[in-house]
Amino acid sequence: IVINIALNYWLINGGLGIDAMGVLGAAWATFIARAIHALLMLTCLAKT
């Protein structure tokens, strides 16, 4: 959730070399956050 909110702020409004993407920025923030979430879950379970 924290990753999603941070990416939302960046991608929706732009900055650091990224143009403001508006609604599409919120979509990509959701995609990336969900991918990281799944990767973290699998990594933690596999390592333990």
All heavy atoms as atom14 arrays in JSON, in Angstrom:
{
  "sequence": "IVINIALNYWLINGGLGIDAMGVLGAAWATFIARAIHALLMLTCLAKT",
  "atom14_mask": [
    [1, 1, 1, 1, 1, 1, 1, 1, 0, 0, 0, 0, 0, 0],
    [1, 1, 1, 1, 1, 1, 1, 0, 0, 0, 0, 0, 0, 0],
    [1, 1, 1, 1, 1, 1, 1, 1, 0, 0, 0, 0, 0, 0],
    [1, 1, 1, 1, 1, 1, 1, 1, 0, 0, 0, 0, 0, 0],
    [1, 1, 1, 1, 1, 1, 1, 1, 0, 0, 0, 0, 0, 0],
    [1, 1, 1, 1, 1, 0, 0, 0, 0, 0, 0, 0, 0, 0],
    [1, 1, 1, 1, 1, 1, 1, 1, 0, 0, 0, 0, 0, 0],
    [1, 1, 1, 1, 1, 1, 1, 1, 0, 0, 0, 0, 0, 0],
    [1, 1, 1, 1, 1, 1, 1, 1, 1, 1, 1, 1, 0, 0],
    [1, 1, 1, 1, 1, 1, 1, 1, 1, 1, 1, 1, 1, 1],
    [1, 1, 1, 1, 1, 1, 1, 1, 0, 0, 0, 0, 0, 0],
    [1, 1, 1, 1, 1, 1, 1, 1, 0, 0, 0, 0, 0, 0],
    [1, 1, 1, 1, 1, 1, 1, 1, 0, 0, 0, 0, 0, 0],
    [1, 1, 1, 1, 0, 0, 0, 0, 0, 0, 0, 0, 0, 0],
    [1, 1, 1, 1, 0, 0, 0, 0, 0, 0, 0, 0, 0, 0],
    [1, 1, 1, 1, 1, 1, 1, 1, 0, 0, 0, 0, 0, 0],
    [1, 1, 1, 1, 0, 0, 0, 0, 0, 0, 0, 0, 0, 0],
    [1, 1, 1, 1, 1, 1, 1, 1, 0, 0, 0, 0, 0, 0],
    [1, 1, 1, 1, 1, 1, 1, 1, 0, 0, 0, 0, 0, 0],
    [1, 1, 1, 1, 1, 0, 0, 0, 0, 0, 0, 0, 0, 0],
    [1, 1, 1, 1, 1, 1, 1, 1, 0, 0, 0, 0, 0, 0],
    [1, 1, 1, 1, 0, 0, 0, 0, 0, 0, 0, 0, 0, 0],
    [1, 1, 1, 1, 1, 1, 1, 0, 0, 0, 0, 0, 0, 0],
    [1, 1, 1, 1, 1, 1, 1, 1, 0, 0, 0, 0, 0, 0],
    [1, 1, 1, 1, 0, 0, 0, 0, 0, 0, 0, 0, 0, 0],
    [1, 1, 1, 1, 1, 0, 0, 0, 0, 0, 0, 0, 0, 0],
    [1, 1, 1, 1, 1, 0, 0, 0, 0, 0, 0, 0, 0, 0],
    [1, 1, 1, 1, 1, 1, 1, 1, 1, 1, 1, 1, 1, 1],
    [1, 1, 1, 1, 1, 0, 0, 0, 0, 0, 0, 0, 0, 0],
    [1, 1, 1, 1, 1, 1, 1, 0, 0, 0, 0, 0, 0, 0],
    [1, 1, 1, 1, 1, 1, 1, 1, 1, 1, 1, 0, 0, 0],
    [1, 1, 1, 1, 1, 1, 1, 1, 0, 0, 0, 0, 0, 0],
    [1, 1, 1, 1, 1, 0, 0, 0, 0, 0, 0, 0, 0, 0],
    [1, 1, 1, 1, 1, 1, 1, 1, 1, 1, 1, 0, 0, 0],
    [1, 1, 1, 1, 1, 0, 0, 0, 0, 0, 0, 0, 0, 0],
    [1, 1, 1, 1, 1, 1, 1, 1, 0, 0, 0, 0, 0, 0],
    [1, 1, 1, 1, 1, 1, 1, 1, 1, 1, 0, 0, 0, 0],
    [1, 1, 1, 1, 1, 0, 0, 0, 0, 0, 0, 0, 0, 0],
    [1, 1, 1, 1, 1, 1, 1, 1, 0, 0, 0, 0, 0, 0],
    [1, 1, 1, 1, 1, 1, 1, 1, 0, 0, 0, 0, 0, 0],
    [1, 1, 1, 1, 1, 1, 1, 1, 0, 0, 0, 0, 0, 0],
    [1, 1, 1, 1, 1, 1, 1, 1, 0, 0, 0, 0, 0, 0],
    [1, 1, 1, 1, 1, 1, 1, 0, 0, 0, 0, 0, 0, 0],
    [1, 1, 1, 1, 1, 1, 0, 0, 0, 0, 0, 0, 0, 0],
    [1, 1, 1, 1, 1, 1, 1, 1, 0, 0, 0, 0, 0, 0],
    [1, 1, 1, 1, 1, 0, 0, 0, 0, 0, 0, 0, 0, 0],
    [1, 1, 1, 1, 1, 1, 1, 1, 1, 0, 0, 0, 0, 0],
    [1, 1, 1, 1, 1, 1, 1, 0, 0, 0, 0, 0, 0, 0]
  ],
  "atom14_positions": [
    [[0.83, -1.21, 0.0], [0.0, 0.0, 0.0], [0.87, 1.26, 0.0], [0.6, 2.22, -0.73], [-0.95, -0.01, 1.21], [-2.02, -1.08, 1.02], [-1.61, 1.36, 1.39], [-2.87, -1.33, 2.26], [0.0, 0.0, 0.0], [0.0, 0.0, 0.0], [0.0, 0.0, 0.0], [0.0, 0.0, 0.0], [0.0, 0.0, 0.0], [0.0, 0.0, 0.0]],
    [[1.91, 1.25, 0.81], [2.82, 2.41, 0.86], [3.47, 2.62, -0.5], [3.57, 3.75, -1.0], [3.89, 2.2, 1.96], [4.97, 3.28, 1.86], [3.25, 2.23, 3.34], [0.0, 0.0, 0.0], [0.0, 0.0, 0.0], [0.0, 0.0, 0.0], [0.0, 0.0, 0.0], [0.0, 0.0, 0.0], [0.0, 0.0, 0.0], [0.0, 0.0, 0.0]],
    [[3.92, 1.53, -1.14], [4.52, 1.62, -2.47], [3.51, 2.18, -3.47], [3.83, 3.05, -4.3], [5.04, 0.25, -2.93], [6.24, -0.18, -2.07], [5.43, 0.27, -4.4], [6.7, -1.6, -2.31], [0.0, 0.0, 0.0], [0.0, 0.0, 0.0], [0.0, 0.0, 0.0], [0.0, 0.0, 0.0], [0.0, 0.0, 0.0], [0.0, 0.0, 0.0]],
    [[2.27, 1.68, -3.39], [1.23, 2.13, -4.32], [0.97, 3.63, -4.16], [0.88, 4.36, -5.15], [-0.06, 1.34, -4.05], [-1.07, 1.47, -5.18], [-0.83, 2.12, -6.19], [-2.22, 0.85, -5.0], [0.0, 0.0, 0.0], [0.0, 0.0, 0.0], [0.0, 0.0, 0.0], [0.0, 0.0, 0.0], [0.0, 0.0, 0.0], [0.0, 0.0, 0.0]],
    [[0.86, 4.1, -2.93], [0.59, 5.52, -2.68], [1.75, 6.39, -3.17], [1.54, 7.43, -3.81], [0.32, 5.76, -1.19], [-1.03, 5.1, -0.79], [0.3, 7.24, -0.86], [-1.31, 5.12, 0.7], [0.0, 0.0, 0.0], [0.0, 0.0, 0.0], [0.0, 0.0, 0.0], [0.0, 0.0, 0.0], [0.0, 0.0, 0.0], [0.0, 0.0, 0.0]],
    [[2.99, 5.96, -2.88], [4.16, 6.73, -3.32], [4.23, 6.8, -4.85], [4.47, 7.88, -5.44], [5.43, 6.11, -2.76], [0.0, 0.0, 0.0], [0.0, 0.0, 0.0], [0.0, 0.0, 0.0], [0.0, 0.0, 0.0], [0.0, 0.0, 0.0], [0.0, 0.0, 0.0], [0.0, 0.0, 0.0], [0.0, 0.0, 0.0], [0.0, 0.0, 0.0]],
    [[3.99, 5.67, -5.51], [4.01, 5.65, -6.97], [2.85, 6.45, -7.56], [2.99, 7.1, -8.6], [3.97, 4.2, -7.47], [5.23, 3.37, -7.25], [4.99, 1.92, -7.66], [6.41, 3.95, -8.04], [0.0, 0.0, 0.0], [0.0, 0.0, 0.0], [0.0, 0.0, 0.0], [0.0, 0.0, 0.0], [0.0, 0.0, 0.0], [0.0, 0.0, 0.0]],
    [[1.69, 6.39, -6.89], [0.55, 7.2, -7.32], [0.93, 8.68, -7.36], [0.69, 9.38, -8.36], [-0.63, 7.03, -6.35], [-1.57, 5.92, -6.77], [-1.53, 5.45, -7.89], [-2.42, 5.5, -5.86], [0.0, 0.0, 0.0], [0.0, 0.0, 0.0], [0.0, 0.0, 0.0], [0.0, 0.0, 0.0], [0.0, 0.0, 0.0], [0.0, 0.0, 0.0]],
    [[1.51, 9.16, -6.27], [1.86, 10.58, -6.18], [2.83, 10.97, -7.29], [2.69, 12.02, -7.93], [2.48, 10.86, -4.81], [2.8, 12.33, -4.6], [1.8, 13.22, -4.22], [4.09, 12.82, -4.81], [2.07, 14.57, -4.04], [4.37, 14.17, -4.64], [3.36, 15.04, -4.25], [3.65, 16.36, -4.09], [0.0, 0.0, 0.0], [0.0, 0.0, 0.0]],
    [[3.8, 10.1, -7.55], [4.82, 10.39, -8.56], [4.26, 10.32, -9.97], [4.4, 11.25, -10.76], [5.97, 9.39, -8.39], [7.09, 9.56, -9.38], [7.5, 10.71, -9.99], [7.95, 8.52, -9.88], [8.56, 10.47, -10.83], [8.86, 9.13, -10.79], [8.05, 7.15, -9.65], [9.83, 8.41, -11.46], [9.03, 6.44, -10.32], [9.91, 7.06, -11.21]],
    [[3.6, 9.22, -10.29], [3.17, 9.0, -11.68], [1.95, 9.82, -12.07], [1.82, 10.24, -13.22], [2.91, 7.51, -11.9], [4.12, 6.59, -11.69], [3.73, 5.14, -11.91], [5.27, 6.97, -12.61], [0.0, 0.0, 0.0], [0.0, 0.0, 0.0], [0.0, 0.0, 0.0], [0.0, 0.0, 0.0], [0.0, 0.0, 0.0], [0.0, 0.0, 0.0]],
    [[1.03, 10.06, -11.12], [-0.15, 10.88, -11.44], [0.26, 12.32, -11.71], [-0.19, 12.96, -12.67], [-1.18, 10.82, -10.29], [-1.82, 9.43, -10.21], [-2.28, 11.88, -10.49], [-2.69, 9.23, -8.98], [0.0, 0.0, 0.0], [0.0, 0.0, 0.0], [0.0, 0.0, 0.0], [0.0, 0.0, 0.0], [0.0, 0.0, 0.0], [0.0, 0.0, 0.0]],
    [[1.15, 12.86, -10.86], [1.51, 14.29, -10.92], [2.8, 14.57, -11.67], [3.08, 15.72, -12.01], [1.61, 14.85, -9.49], [0.33, 14.66, -8.71], [-0.73, 15.12, -9.11], [0.4, 13.95, -7.58], [0.0, 0.0, 0.0], [0.0, 0.0, 0.0], [0.0, 0.0, 0.0], [0.0, 0.0, 0.0], [0.0, 0.0, 0.0], [0.0, 0.0, 0.0]],
    [[3.62, 13.53, -11.91], [4.87, 13.72, -12.63], [6.0, 14.19, -11.72], [5.81, 14.48, -10.54], [0.0, 0.0, 0.0], [0.0, 0.0, 0.0], [0.0, 0.0, 0.0], [0.0, 0.0, 0.0], [0.0, 0.0, 0.0], [0.0, 0.0, 0.0], [0.0, 0.0, 0.0], [0.0, 0.0, 0.0], [0.0, 0.0, 0.0], [0.0, 0.0, 0.0]],
    [[7.19, 14.24, -12.28], [8.37, 14.66, -11.53], [9.5, 13.68, -11.73], [9.3, 12.55, -12.19], [0.0, 0.0, 0.0], [0.0, 0.0, 0.0], [0.0, 0.0, 0.0], [0.0, 0.0, 0.0], [0.0, 0.0, 0.0], [0.0, 0.0, 0.0], [0.0, 0.0, 0.0], [0.0, 0.0, 0.0], [0.0, 0.0, 0.0], [0.0, 0.0, 0.0]],
    [[10.74, 14.13, -11.42], [11.94, 13.3, -11.56], [12.06, 12.74, -12.98], [12.39, 11.57, -13.19], [11.93, 12.16, -10.54], [11.89, 12.57, -9.06], [11.81, 11.33, -8.16], [13.1, 13.42, -8.7], [0.0, 0.0, 0.0], [0.0, 0.0, 0.0], [0.0, 0.0, 0.0], [0.0, 0.0, 0.0], [0.0, 0.0, 0.0], [0.0, 0.0, 0.0]],
    [[11.78, 13.58, -13.96], [11.93, 13.18, -15.35], [10.72, 12.49, -15.95], [10.75, 12.1, -17.13], [0.0, 0.0, 0.0], [0.0, 0.0, 0.0], [0.0, 0.0, 0.0], [0.0, 0.0, 0.0], [0.0, 0.0, 0.0], [0.0, 0.0, 0.0], [0.0, 0.0, 0.0], [0.0, 0.0, 0.0], [0.0, 0.0, 0.0], [0.0, 0.0, 0.0]],
    [[9.66, 12.32, -15.19], [8.43, 11.67, -15.67], [7.34, 12.72, -15.84], [7.07, 13.5, -14.91], [7.96, 10.58, -14.69], [9.02, 9.49, -14.56], [6.63, 9.98, -15.14], [9.22, 8.65, -15.8], [0.0, 0.0, 0.0], [0.0, 0.0, 0.0], [0.0, 0.0, 0.0], [0.0, 0.0, 0.0], [0.0, 0.0, 0.0], [0.0, 0.0, 0.0]],
    [[6.71, 12.77, -17.01], [5.58, 13.68, -17.22], [4.36, 13.19, -16.43], [4.21, 11.99, -16.19], [5.21, 13.73, -18.71], [6.3, 14.39, -19.54], [7.05, 15.22, -18.99], [6.4, 14.05, -20.73], [0.0, 0.0, 0.0], [0.0, 0.0, 0.0], [0.0, 0.0, 0.0], [0.0, 0.0, 0.0], [0.0, 0.0, 0.0], [0.0, 0.0, 0.0]],
    [[3.51, 14.13, -16.04], [2.28, 13.78, -15.32], [1.43, 12.84, -16.19], [1.16, 13.14, -17.35], [1.5, 15.03, -14.96], [0.0, 0.0, 0.0], [0.0, 0.0, 0.0], [0.0, 0.0, 0.0], [0.0, 0.0, 0.0], [0.0, 0.0, 0.0], [0.0, 0.0, 0.0], [0.0, 0.0, 0.0], [0.0, 0.0, 0.0], [0.0, 0.0, 0.0]],
    [[1.02, 11.71, -15.62], [0.27, 10.7, -16.38], [-1.21, 10.65, -16.01], [-1.98, 9.92, -16.64], [0.91, 9.32, -16.16], [2.35, 9.24, -16.65], [3.16, 7.68, -16.18], [2.22, 6.51, -17.16], [0.0, 0.0, 0.0], [0.0, 0.0, 0.0], [0.0, 0.0, 0.0], [0.0, 0.0, 0.0], [0.0, 0.0, 0.0], [0.0, 0.0, 0.0]],
    [[-1.6, 11.35, -14.96], [-3.0, 11.37, -14.57], [-3.51, 9.99, -14.17], [-2.87, 9.23, -13.44], [0.0, 0.0, 0.0], [0.0, 0.0, 0.0], [0.0, 0.0, 0.0], [0.0, 0.0, 0.0], [0.0, 0.0, 0.0], [0.0, 0.0, 0.0], [0.0, 0.0, 0.0], [0.0, 0.0, 0.0], [0.0, 0.0, 0.0], [0.0, 0.0, 0.0]],
    [[-4.69, 9.64, -14.69], [-5.33, 8.36, -14.36], [-4.46, 7.17, -14.76], [-4.37, 6.17, -14.05], [-6.72, 8.27, -15.03], [-7.29, 6.87, -14.91], [-7.67, 9.28, -14.4], [0.0, 0.0, 0.0], [0.0, 0.0, 0.0], [0.0, 0.0, 0.0], [0.0, 0.0, 0.0], [0.0, 0.0, 0.0], [0.0, 0.0, 0.0], [0.0, 0.0, 0.0]],
    [[-3.79, 7.29, -15.89], [-2.92, 6.2, -16.34], [-1.76, 5.98, -15.37], [-1.3, 4.84, -15.19], [-2.38, 6.5, -17.74], [-1.75, 5.34, -18.51], [-2.74, 4.2, -18.68], [-1.24, 5.81, -19.87], [0.0, 0.0, 0.0], [0.0, 0.0, 0.0], [0.0, 0.0, 0.0], [0.0, 0.0, 0.0], [0.0, 0.0, 0.0], [0.0, 0.0, 0.0]],
    [[-1.3, 7.04, -14.72], [-0.26, 6.92, -13.7], [-0.73, 6.1, -12.52], [0.01, 5.28, -11.96], [0.0, 0.0, 0.0], [0.0, 0.0, 0.0], [0.0, 0.0, 0.0], [0.0, 0.0, 0.0], [0.0, 0.0, 0.0], [0.0, 0.0, 0.0], [0.0, 0.0, 0.0], [0.0, 0.0, 0.0], [0.0, 0.0, 0.0], [0.0, 0.0, 0.0]],
    [[-2.0, 6.31, -12.11], [-2.57, 5.52, -11.01], [-2.63, 4.04, -11.39], [-2.4, 3.15, -10.56], [-3.97, 6.04, -10.67], [0.0, 0.0, 0.0], [0.0, 0.0, 0.0], [0.0, 0.0, 0.0], [0.0, 0.0, 0.0], [0.0, 0.0, 0.0], [0.0, 0.0, 0.0], [0.0, 0.0, 0.0], [0.0, 0.0, 0.0], [0.0, 0.0, 0.0]],
    [[-2.94, 3.78, -12.67], [-3.01, 2.39, -13.14], [-1.65, 1.71, -13.06], [-1.52, 0.58, -12.56], [-3.54, 2.36, -14.58], [0.0, 0.0, 0.0], [0.0, 0.0, 0.0], [0.0, 0.0, 0.0], [0.0, 0.0, 0.0], [0.0, 0.0, 0.0], [0.0, 0.0, 0.0], [0.0, 0.0, 0.0], [0.0, 0.0, 0.0], [0.0, 0.0, 0.0]],
    [[-0.6, 2.38, -13.55], [0.73, 1.78, -13.52], [1.25, 1.64, -12.1], [1.96, 0.68, -11.77], [1.7, 2.61, -14.37], [1.6, 2.3, -15.82], [1.12, 3.1, -16.82], [1.96, 1.06, -16.45], [1.14, 2.44, -18.03], [1.66, 1.19, -17.83], [2.49, -0.14, -15.99], [1.9, 0.16, -18.74], [2.72, -1.17, -16.9], [2.42, -1.01, -18.26]],
    [[0.9, 2.56, -11.23], [1.3, 2.44, -9.82], [0.68, 1.19, -9.19], [1.34, 0.46, -8.45], [0.86, 3.7, -9.04], [0.0, 0.0, 0.0], [0.0, 0.0, 0.0], [0.0, 0.0, 0.0], [0.0, 0.0, 0.0], [0.0, 0.0, 0.0], [0.0, 0.0, 0.0], [0.0, 0.0, 0.0], [0.0, 0.0, 0.0], [0.0, 0.0, 0.0]],
    [[-0.59, 0.94, -9.52], [-1.26, -0.26, -9.01], [-0.6, -1.53, -9.55], [-0.36, -2.48, -8.8], [-2.75, -0.24, -9.43], [-3.38, 0.9, -8.83], [-3.46, -1.51, -8.99], [0.0, 0.0, 0.0], [0.0, 0.0, 0.0], [0.0, 0.0, 0.0], [0.0, 0.0, 0.0], [0.0, 0.0, 0.0], [0.0, 0.0, 0.0], [0.0, 0.0, 0.0]],
    [[-0.29, -1.55, -10.83], [0.36, -2.72, -11.46], [1.69, -3.03, -10.78], [1.96, -4.17, -10.39], [0.58, -2.45, -12.95], [1.15, -3.61, -13.7], [0.32, -4.46, -14.41], [2.52, -3.87, -13.7], [0.84, -5.55, -15.12], [3.05, -4.95, -14.39], [2.21, -5.79, -15.1], [0.0, 0.0, 0.0], [0.0, 0.0, 0.0], [0.0, 0.0, 0.0]],
    [[2.53, -2.02, -10.62], [3.86, -2.22, -10.04], [3.76, -2.66, -8.58], [4.47, -3.58, -8.15], [4.69, -0.93, -10.16], [4.94, -0.6, -11.65], [6.03, -1.06, -9.43], [5.51, 0.79, -11.88], [0.0, 0.0, 0.0], [0.0, 0.0, 0.0], [0.0, 0.0, 0.0], [0.0, 0.0, 0.0], [0.0, 0.0, 0.0], [0.0, 0.0, 0.0]],
    [[2.88, -2.03, -7.81], [2.73, -2.38, -6.4], [2.26, -3.82, -6.23], [2.73, -4.54, -5.35], [1.76, -1.42, -5.72], [0.0, 0.0, 0.0], [0.0, 0.0, 0.0], [0.0, 0.0, 0.0], [0.0, 0.0, 0.0], [0.0, 0.0, 0.0], [0.0, 0.0, 0.0], [0.0, 0.0, 0.0], [0.0, 0.0, 0.0], [0.0, 0.0, 0.0]],
    [[1.33, -4.24, -7.09], [0.84, -5.63, -7.01], [1.94, -6.63, -7.37], [2.03, -7.7, -6.75], [-0.37, -5.8, -7.94], [-1.64, -5.15, -7.41], [-2.77, -5.19, -8.42], [-4.03, -4.73, -7.82], [-5.15, -4.54, -8.5], [-5.18, -4.77, -9.82], [-6.24, -4.12, -7.88], [0.0, 0.0, 0.0], [0.0, 0.0, 0.0], [0.0, 0.0, 0.0]],
    [[2.75, -6.29, -8.37], [3.84, -7.19, -8.76], [4.85, -7.34, -7.63], [5.31, -8.46, -7.31], [4.53, -6.65, -10.02], [0.0, 0.0, 0.0], [0.0, 0.0, 0.0], [0.0, 0.0, 0.0], [0.0, 0.0, 0.0], [0.0, 0.0, 0.0], [0.0, 0.0, 0.0], [0.0, 0.0, 0.0], [0.0, 0.0, 0.0], [0.0, 0.0, 0.0]],
    [[5.2, -6.23, -6.99], [6.15, -6.27, -5.87], [5.56, -7.07, -4.7], [6.27, -7.85, -4.05], [6.51, -4.83, -5.42], [7.31, -4.13, -6.54], [7.31, -4.85, -4.12], [7.57, -2.66, -6.26], [0.0, 0.0, 0.0], [0.0, 0.0, 0.0], [0.0, 0.0, 0.0], [0.0, 0.0, 0.0], [0.0, 0.0, 0.0], [0.0, 0.0, 0.0]],
    [[4.27, -6.89, -4.46], [3.6, -7.61, -3.37], [3.71, -9.12, -3.57], [4.07, -9.87, -2.65], [2.14, -7.17, -3.32], [1.4, -7.61, -2.1], [0.07, -7.33, -1.87], [1.8, -8.31, -1.0], [-0.31, -7.83, -0.72], [0.72, -8.45, -0.17], [0.0, 0.0, 0.0], [0.0, 0.0, 0.0], [0.0, 0.0, 0.0], [0.0, 0.0, 0.0]],
    [[3.4, -9.58, -4.78], [3.46, -11.02, -5.07], [4.88, -11.54, -4.96], [5.12, -12.63, -4.4], [2.91, -11.29, -6.47], [0.0, 0.0, 0.0], [0.0, 0.0, 0.0], [0.0, 0.0, 0.0], [0.0, 0.0, 0.0], [0.0, 0.0, 0.0], [0.0, 0.0, 0.0], [0.0, 0.0, 0.0], [0.0, 0.0, 0.0], [0.0, 0.0, 0.0]],
    [[5.84, -10.77, -5.47], [7.24, -11.19, -5.41], [7.73, -11.31, -3.97], [8.41, -12.28, -3.61], [8.11, -10.2, -6.18], [9.61, -10.52, -6.24], [9.85, -11.85, -6.95], [10.36, -9.39, -6.96], [0.0, 0.0, 0.0], [0.0, 0.0, 0.0], [0.0, 0.0, 0.0], [0.0, 0.0, 0.0], [0.0, 0.0, 0.0], [0.0, 0.0, 0.0]],
    [[7.36, -10.35, -3.14], [7.75, -10.4, -1.73], [7.13, -11.6, -1.03], [7.79, -12.27, -0.21], [7.33, -9.1, -1.02], [8.11, -7.83, -1.38], [7.48, -6.61, -0.71], [9.57, -7.97, -0.97], [0.0, 0.0, 0.0], [0.0, 0.0, 0.0], [0.0, 0.0, 0.0], [0.0, 0.0, 0.0], [0.0, 0.0, 0.0], [0.0, 0.0, 0.0]],
    [[5.87, -11.89, -1.31], [5.2, -13.03, -0.69], [5.89, -14.34, -1.04], [6.21, -15.16, -0.17], [3.73, -13.07, -1.14], [2.94, -14.28, -0.66], [2.71, -14.33, 1.13], [1.41, -13.08, 1.31], [0.0, 0.0, 0.0], [0.0, 0.0, 0.0], [0.0, 0.0, 0.0], [0.0, 0.0, 0.0], [0.0, 0.0, 0.0], [0.0, 0.0, 0.0]],
    [[6.16, -14.55, -2.33], [6.81, -15.79, -2.77], [8.22, -15.9, -2.2], [8.65, -16.99, -1.79], [6.85, -15.84, -4.3], [5.49, -15.97, -5.0], [5.66, -15.85, -6.5], [4.82, -17.29, -4.64], [0.0, 0.0, 0.0], [0.0, 0.0, 0.0], [0.0, 0.0, 0.0], [0.0, 0.0, 0.0], [0.0, 0.0, 0.0], [0.0, 0.0, 0.0]],
    [[8.96, -14.79, -2.17], [10.33, -14.81, -1.66], [10.37, -15.18, -0.19], [11.18, -16.02, 0.24], [11.0, -13.43, -1.87], [11.0, -13.12, -3.27], [12.43, -13.44, -1.37], [0.0, 0.0, 0.0], [0.0, 0.0, 0.0], [0.0, 0.0, 0.0], [0.0, 0.0, 0.0], [0.0, 0.0, 0.0], [0.0, 0.0, 0.0], [0.0, 0.0, 0.0]],
    [[9.5, -14.57, 0.6], [9.47, -14.84, 2.05], [9.12, -16.3, 2.33], [9.75, -16.95, 3.18], [8.48, -13.91, 2.74], [8.99, -12.19, 2.8], [0.0, 0.0, 0.0], [0.0, 0.0, 0.0], [0.0, 0.0, 0.0], [0.0, 0.0, 0.0], [0.0, 0.0, 0.0], [0.0, 0.0, 0.0], [0.0, 0.0, 0.0], [0.0, 0.0, 0.0]],
    [[8.13, -16.83, 1.64], [7.7, -18.21, 1.88], [8.76, -19.21, 1.41], [8.99, -20.23, 2.06], [6.38, -18.49, 1.16], [5.16, -17.72, 1.69], [3.93, -18.01, 0.85], [4.89, -18.06, 3.15], [0.0, 0.0, 0.0], [0.0, 0.0, 0.0], [0.0, 0.0, 0.0], [0.0, 0.0, 0.0], [0.0, 0.0, 0.0], [0.0, 0.0, 0.0]],
    [[9.41, -18.9, 0.28], [10.44, -19.81, -0.23], [11.66, -19.83, 0.69], [12.22, -20.9, 0.96], [10.86, -19.39, -1.64], [0.0, 0.0, 0.0], [0.0, 0.0, 0.0], [0.0, 0.0, 0.0], [0.0, 0.0, 0.0], [0.0, 0.0, 0.0], [0.0, 0.0, 0.0], [0.0, 0.0, 0.0], [0.0, 0.0, 0.0], [0.0, 0.0, 0.0]],
    [[12.08, -18.66, 1.18], [13.27, -18.6, 2.02], [13.07, -19.27, 3.36], [14.0, -19.85, 3.94], [13.69, -17.14, 2.22], [14.37, -16.53, 1.0], [15.03, -15.21, 1.33], [15.87, -14.73, 0.16], [16.58, -13.45, 0.47], [0.0, 0.0, 0.0], [0.0, 0.0, 0.0], [0.0, 0.0, 0.0], [0.0, 0.0, 0.0], [0.0, 0.0, 0.0]],
    [[11.84, -19.2, 3.9], [11.55, -19.84, 5.18], [11.13, -21.3, 5.02], [10.89, -21.99, 6.01], [10.44, -19.08, 5.93], [9.27, -19.02, 5.11], [10.88, -17.66, 6.26], [0.0, 0.0, 0.0], [0.0, 0.0, 0.0], [0.0, 0.0, 0.0], [0.0, 0.0, 0.0], [0.0, 0.0, 0.0], [0.0, 0.0, 0.0], [0.0, 0.0, 0.0]]
  ]
}
